[in-house]
Protein backbone atom coordinates (compact mmCIF):
# COMPACT_ATOMS: atom_id res chain seq x y z
CA UNK A 1 -4.56 -100.72 -153.06
CA UNK A 2 -2.17 -103.23 -151.46
CA UNK A 3 0.21 -102.02 -148.79
CA UNK A 4 3.93 -102.59 -149.12
CA UNK A 5 5.38 -105.11 -146.71
CA UNK A 6 8.82 -104.83 -145.17
CA UNK A 7 11.00 -107.94 -145.22
CA UNK A 8 14.11 -108.07 -143.07
CA UNK A 9 17.15 -110.17 -143.88
CA UNK A 10 18.97 -111.06 -140.66
CA UNK A 11 22.25 -112.61 -139.57
CA UNK A 12 22.00 -116.24 -138.52
CA UNK A 13 25.16 -116.11 -136.40
CA UNK A 14 27.88 -113.85 -135.04
CA UNK A 15 30.06 -112.94 -138.02
CA UNK A 16 32.11 -110.28 -139.79
CA UNK A 17 30.63 -108.55 -142.82
CA UNK A 18 32.99 -109.19 -145.76
CA UNK A 19 30.98 -107.48 -148.49
CA UNK A 20 27.56 -106.05 -149.33
CA UNK A 21 26.31 -106.81 -152.85
CA UNK A 22 23.28 -104.50 -152.99
CA UNK A 23 22.32 -100.86 -152.52
CA UNK A 24 19.00 -99.18 -151.75
CA UNK A 25 16.80 -99.25 -154.84
CA UNK A 26 18.22 -102.52 -156.19
CA UNK A 27 15.71 -105.19 -157.20
CA UNK A 28 16.43 -108.62 -155.69
CA UNK A 29 15.10 -112.07 -156.54
CA UNK A 30 14.85 -115.25 -154.49
CA UNK A 31 18.31 -116.77 -154.12
CA UNK A 32 20.27 -113.56 -154.73
CA UNK A 33 23.28 -113.07 -152.44
CA UNK A 34 22.96 -109.72 -150.65
CA UNK A 35 25.71 -109.95 -148.01
CA UNK A 36 28.78 -112.12 -147.58
CA UNK A 37 29.65 -112.93 -143.97
CA UNK A 38 32.74 -114.60 -142.49
CA UNK A 39 32.72 -116.68 -139.35
CA UNK A 40 35.42 -119.07 -138.16
CA UNK A 41 37.28 -118.61 -141.49
CA UNK A 42 34.21 -119.75 -143.47
CA UNK A 43 32.41 -117.53 -145.98
CA UNK A 44 28.64 -117.51 -145.54
CA UNK A 45 26.50 -115.99 -148.30
CA UNK A 46 23.24 -114.44 -147.08
CA UNK A 47 20.50 -115.15 -149.63
CA UNK A 48 17.17 -113.44 -150.28
CA UNK A 49 14.13 -115.60 -149.56
CA UNK A 50 11.51 -113.21 -151.02
CA UNK A 51 11.73 -110.89 -154.02
CA UNK A 52 11.46 -107.12 -153.73
CA UNK A 53 13.38 -103.86 -153.73
CA UNK A 54 16.18 -103.09 -151.25
CA UNK A 55 14.94 -100.23 -149.08
CA UNK A 56 17.84 -100.09 -146.59
CA UNK A 57 21.29 -101.55 -146.04
CA UNK A 58 22.05 -101.69 -142.31
CA UNK A 59 25.66 -102.99 -142.44
CA UNK A 60 28.97 -102.23 -144.14
CA UNK A 61 32.11 -104.27 -144.80
CA UNK A 62 34.12 -104.66 -141.59
CA UNK A 63 31.07 -104.58 -139.30
CA UNK A 64 30.59 -107.36 -136.75
CA UNK A 65 27.01 -108.62 -136.55
CA UNK A 66 25.25 -110.64 -133.91
CA UNK A 67 22.68 -113.38 -134.44
CA UNK A 68 19.36 -111.74 -135.36
CA UNK A 69 20.84 -108.37 -136.44
CA UNK A 70 19.07 -106.86 -139.45
CA UNK A 71 21.40 -106.72 -142.47
CA UNK A 72 19.09 -105.61 -145.26
CA UNK A 73 15.49 -104.37 -145.47
CA UNK A 74 13.44 -105.21 -148.57
CA UNK A 75 10.11 -103.71 -149.58
CA UNK A 76 7.72 -105.90 -151.45
């Protein structure tokens, strides 16, 4: 039986979390937007690079994230 792998979706820069588009249990596909960040008055969508099921959401709107912070965890 194959083991589940954990995929983390991380912030690429310091930014404010504008919105979170997923909840634990949601299925996501490659290219889905899971979080919308704002930095320097620009909106930055955070996209999924591997399909799976959201196992944890680590941020909420209004949070400030640093480069490398985990935003979402996905189980595949």
